[in-house]
Amino acid sequence: MTKVRVLLALGVWVTILPYLGFPYSWKDILFTITGLALIYVGYLLYSYFKEKETKEESFDNFKENSNFDQLDK
């Protein structure tokens, strides 16, 4: 399952969780675990897109010539 689908599933879970009839103590625990999972998946997506952004190649149009020593010979 991709990270985006997990994020969607957690969103659906948070939407229907209050109507499932769990006791309040269980709801608190389930909401906490779900929140931690959302934070973790969000961090994974952030790091994935940040890594993808830094890997893009930049094309420099100018290159400095640093072989001045060869001209003296």
N, C-alpha and C. Protein backbone atom coordinates (compact mmCIF):
# COMPACT_ATOMS: atom_id res chain seq x y z
N MET A 1 0.84 -1.17 0.00
CA MET A 1 0.00 0.00 0.00
C MET A 1 0.89 1.24 0.00
N THR A 2 0.63 2.16 -0.86
CA THR A 2 1.46 3.35 -0.92
C THR A 2 1.16 4.28 0.25
N LYS A 3 2.06 5.22 0.45
CA LYS A 3 1.91 6.14 1.57
C LYS A 3 0.67 7.00 1.43
N VAL A 4 0.33 7.34 0.21
CA VAL A 4 -0.85 8.18 -0.02
C VAL A 4 -2.12 7.41 0.32
N ARG A 5 -2.16 6.14 -0.02
CA ARG A 5 -3.34 5.33 0.32
C ARG A 5 -3.46 5.11 1.82
N VAL A 6 -2.33 4.97 2.49
CA VAL A 6 -2.36 4.85 3.95
C VAL A 6 -2.90 6.14 4.56
N LEU A 7 -2.47 7.26 4.02
CA LEU A 7 -2.95 8.56 4.49
C LEU A 7 -4.46 8.68 4.28
N LEU A 8 -4.94 8.25 3.13
CA LEU A 8 -6.38 8.27 2.85
C LEU A 8 -7.14 7.34 3.80
N ALA A 9 -6.62 6.16 4.03
CA ALA A 9 -7.28 5.21 4.93
C ALA A 9 -7.33 5.75 6.36
N LEU A 10 -6.26 6.39 6.80
CA LEU A 10 -6.27 6.98 8.14
C LEU A 10 -7.28 8.12 8.24
N GLY A 11 -7.43 8.88 7.16
CA GLY A 11 -8.43 9.94 7.15
C GLY A 11 -9.84 9.39 7.25
N VAL A 12 -10.10 8.31 6.54
CA VAL A 12 -11.43 7.67 6.62
C VAL A 12 -11.64 7.11 8.03
N TRP A 13 -10.60 6.51 8.59
CA TRP A 13 -10.69 5.95 9.94
C TRP A 13 -11.02 7.03 10.97
N VAL A 14 -10.38 8.18 10.87
CA VAL A 14 -10.66 9.28 11.80
C VAL A 14 -12.08 9.79 11.62
N THR A 15 -12.57 9.75 10.39
CA THR A 15 -13.92 10.23 10.12
C THR A 15 -14.99 9.33 10.74
N ILE A 16 -14.80 8.02 10.67
CA ILE A 16 -15.84 7.11 11.17
C ILE A 16 -15.63 6.66 12.61
N LEU A 17 -14.44 6.92 13.18
CA LEU A 17 -14.14 6.46 14.54
C LEU A 17 -15.13 6.94 15.60
N PRO A 18 -15.58 8.18 15.60
CA PRO A 18 -16.51 8.60 16.66
C PRO A 18 -17.86 7.87 16.63
N TYR A 19 -18.23 7.31 15.51
CA TYR A 19 -19.55 6.68 15.37
C TYR A 19 -19.53 5.17 15.55
N LEU A 20 -18.39 4.60 15.93
CA LEU A 20 -18.28 3.14 16.04
C LEU A 20 -18.69 2.59 17.40
N GLY A 21 -18.92 3.43 18.37
CA GLY A 21 -19.43 2.97 19.66
C GLY A 21 -18.37 2.49 20.63
N PHE A 22 -17.14 2.89 20.46
CA PHE A 22 -16.10 2.53 21.42
C PHE A 22 -16.28 3.34 22.69
N PRO A 23 -15.86 2.79 23.85
CA PRO A 23 -15.87 3.60 25.08
C PRO A 23 -14.90 4.79 24.95
N TYR A 24 -15.12 5.82 25.76
CA TYR A 24 -14.32 7.04 25.64
C TYR A 24 -12.83 6.77 25.85
N SER A 25 -12.49 5.90 26.78
CA SER A 25 -11.07 5.63 27.01
C SER A 25 -10.44 4.97 25.78
N TRP A 26 -11.15 4.09 25.13
CA TRP A 26 -10.64 3.45 23.90
C TRP A 26 -10.53 4.47 22.77
N LYS A 27 -11.52 5.35 22.69
CA LYS A 27 -11.48 6.38 21.64
C LYS A 27 -10.26 7.26 21.79
N ASP A 28 -9.96 7.65 23.03
CA ASP A 28 -8.78 8.48 23.26
C ASP A 28 -7.51 7.77 22.81
N ILE A 29 -7.40 6.50 23.17
CA ILE A 29 -6.21 5.73 22.78
C ILE A 29 -6.15 5.57 21.26
N LEU A 30 -7.28 5.25 20.62
CA LEU A 30 -7.30 5.06 19.17
C LEU A 30 -7.01 6.36 18.43
N PHE A 31 -7.55 7.47 18.92
CA PHE A 31 -7.23 8.76 18.29
C PHE A 31 -5.76 9.12 18.45
N THR A 32 -5.18 8.81 19.59
CA THR A 32 -3.76 9.08 19.81
C THR A 32 -2.89 8.24 18.87
N ILE A 33 -3.19 6.96 18.77
CA ILE A 33 -2.42 6.09 17.88
C ILE A 33 -2.58 6.52 16.43
N THR A 34 -3.80 6.88 16.05
CA THR A 34 -4.05 7.34 14.68
C THR A 34 -3.31 8.65 14.41
N GLY A 35 -3.30 9.55 15.36
CA GLY A 35 -2.57 10.81 15.20
C GLY A 35 -1.08 10.58 15.03
N LEU A 36 -0.53 9.68 15.82
CA LEU A 36 0.89 9.36 15.69
C LEU A 36 1.20 8.73 14.32
N ALA A 37 0.29 7.89 13.85
CA ALA A 37 0.47 7.29 12.52
C ALA A 37 0.40 8.35 11.43
N LEU A 38 -0.51 9.30 11.56
CA LEU A 38 -0.60 10.40 10.59
C LEU A 38 0.67 11.25 10.59
N ILE A 39 1.21 11.51 11.76
CA ILE A 39 2.45 12.27 11.84
C ILE A 39 3.58 11.51 11.16
N TYR A 40 3.67 10.21 11.41
CA TYR A 40 4.73 9.39 10.82
C TYR A 40 4.63 9.33 9.30
N VAL A 41 3.43 9.10 8.78
CA VAL A 41 3.24 9.04 7.33
C VAL A 41 3.50 10.41 6.70
N GLY A 42 3.05 11.46 7.36
CA GLY A 42 3.32 12.81 6.86
C GLY A 42 4.81 13.11 6.81
N TYR A 43 5.55 12.67 7.82
CA TYR A 43 7.00 12.87 7.83
C TYR A 43 7.65 12.07 6.71
N LEU A 44 7.21 10.84 6.48
CA LEU A 44 7.76 10.04 5.39
C LEU A 44 7.52 10.69 4.04
N LEU A 45 6.31 11.21 3.84
CA LEU A 45 6.01 11.89 2.58
C LEU A 45 6.85 13.16 2.43
N TYR A 46 7.01 13.91 3.51
CA TYR A 46 7.82 15.13 3.46
C TYR A 46 9.26 14.80 3.10
N SER A 47 9.83 13.79 3.75
CA SER A 47 11.22 13.45 3.47
C SER A 47 11.38 12.89 2.07
N TYR A 48 10.38 12.15 1.58
CA TYR A 48 10.45 11.61 0.22
C TYR A 48 10.45 12.75 -0.81
N PHE A 49 9.55 13.70 -0.67
CA PHE A 49 9.48 14.79 -1.64
C PHE A 49 10.66 15.75 -1.49
N LYS A 50 11.18 15.91 -0.28
CA LYS A 50 12.35 16.76 -0.08
C LYS A 50 13.57 16.11 -0.74
N GLU A 51 13.70 14.80 -0.61
CA GLU A 51 14.80 14.07 -1.23
C GLU A 51 14.69 14.12 -2.75
N LYS A 52 13.47 13.98 -3.25
CA LYS A 52 13.25 14.02 -4.69
C LYS A 52 13.58 15.41 -5.25
N GLU A 53 13.27 16.45 -4.48
CA GLU A 53 13.53 17.81 -4.92
C GLU A 53 15.02 18.10 -4.99
N THR A 54 15.80 17.57 -4.05
CA THR A 54 17.23 17.84 -4.03
C THR A 54 17.98 17.02 -5.07
N LYS A 55 17.42 15.92 -5.56
CA LYS A 55 18.08 15.09 -6.55
C LYS A 55 17.96 15.62 -7.97
N GLU A 56 17.11 16.60 -8.19
CA GLU A 56 16.95 17.13 -9.53
C GLU A 56 18.24 17.79 -9.97
N GLU A 57 18.62 17.55 -11.21
CA GLU A 57 19.87 18.10 -11.73
C GLU A 57 19.68 19.55 -12.12
N SER A 58 20.70 20.32 -11.85
CA SER A 58 20.68 21.69 -12.32
C SER A 58 21.67 21.79 -13.47
N PHE A 59 21.30 22.50 -14.48
CA PHE A 59 22.12 22.64 -15.66
C PHE A 59 22.76 24.02 -15.65
N ASP A 60 24.06 24.04 -15.40
CA ASP A 60 24.78 25.30 -15.41
C ASP A 60 25.18 25.63 -16.85
N ASN A 61 24.92 26.83 -17.26
CA ASN A 61 25.24 27.24 -18.63
C ASN A 61 26.69 27.67 -18.78
N PHE A 62 27.33 28.05 -17.68
CA PHE A 62 28.69 28.55 -17.75
C PHE A 62 29.59 27.70 -16.88
N LYS A 63 30.80 27.47 -17.35
CA LYS A 63 31.77 26.72 -16.58
C LYS A 63 33.07 27.50 -16.60
N GLU A 64 33.62 27.70 -15.43
CA GLU A 64 34.85 28.47 -15.33
C GLU A 64 36.03 27.60 -15.73
N ASN A 65 36.94 28.16 -16.50
CA ASN A 65 38.12 27.44 -16.92
C ASN A 65 39.18 27.61 -15.84
N SER A 66 39.61 26.51 -15.25
CA SER A 66 40.58 26.59 -14.17
C SER A 66 41.92 25.98 -14.55
N ASN A 67 42.15 25.69 -15.80
CA ASN A 67 43.40 25.09 -16.26
C ASN A 67 44.36 26.15 -16.75
N PHE A 68 44.67 27.16 -15.94
CA PHE A 68 45.57 28.22 -16.34
C PHE A 68 47.02 27.77 -16.31
N ASP A 69 47.33 26.72 -15.55
CA ASP A 69 48.71 26.23 -15.47
C ASP A 69 49.16 25.66 -16.79
N GLN A 70 48.30 25.09 -17.56
CA GLN A 70 48.68 24.48 -18.83
C GLN A 70 49.04 25.54 -19.87
N LEU A 71 48.59 26.76 -19.71
CA LEU A 71 48.89 27.81 -20.69
C LEU A 71 50.35 28.26 -20.58
N ASP A 72 50.97 28.16 -19.40
CA ASP A 72 52.34 28.61 -19.21
C ASP A 72 53.35 27.66 -19.83
N LYS A 73 52.97 26.44 -20.09
CA LYS A 73 53.93 25.43 -20.59
C LYS A 73 54.09 25.48 -22.07
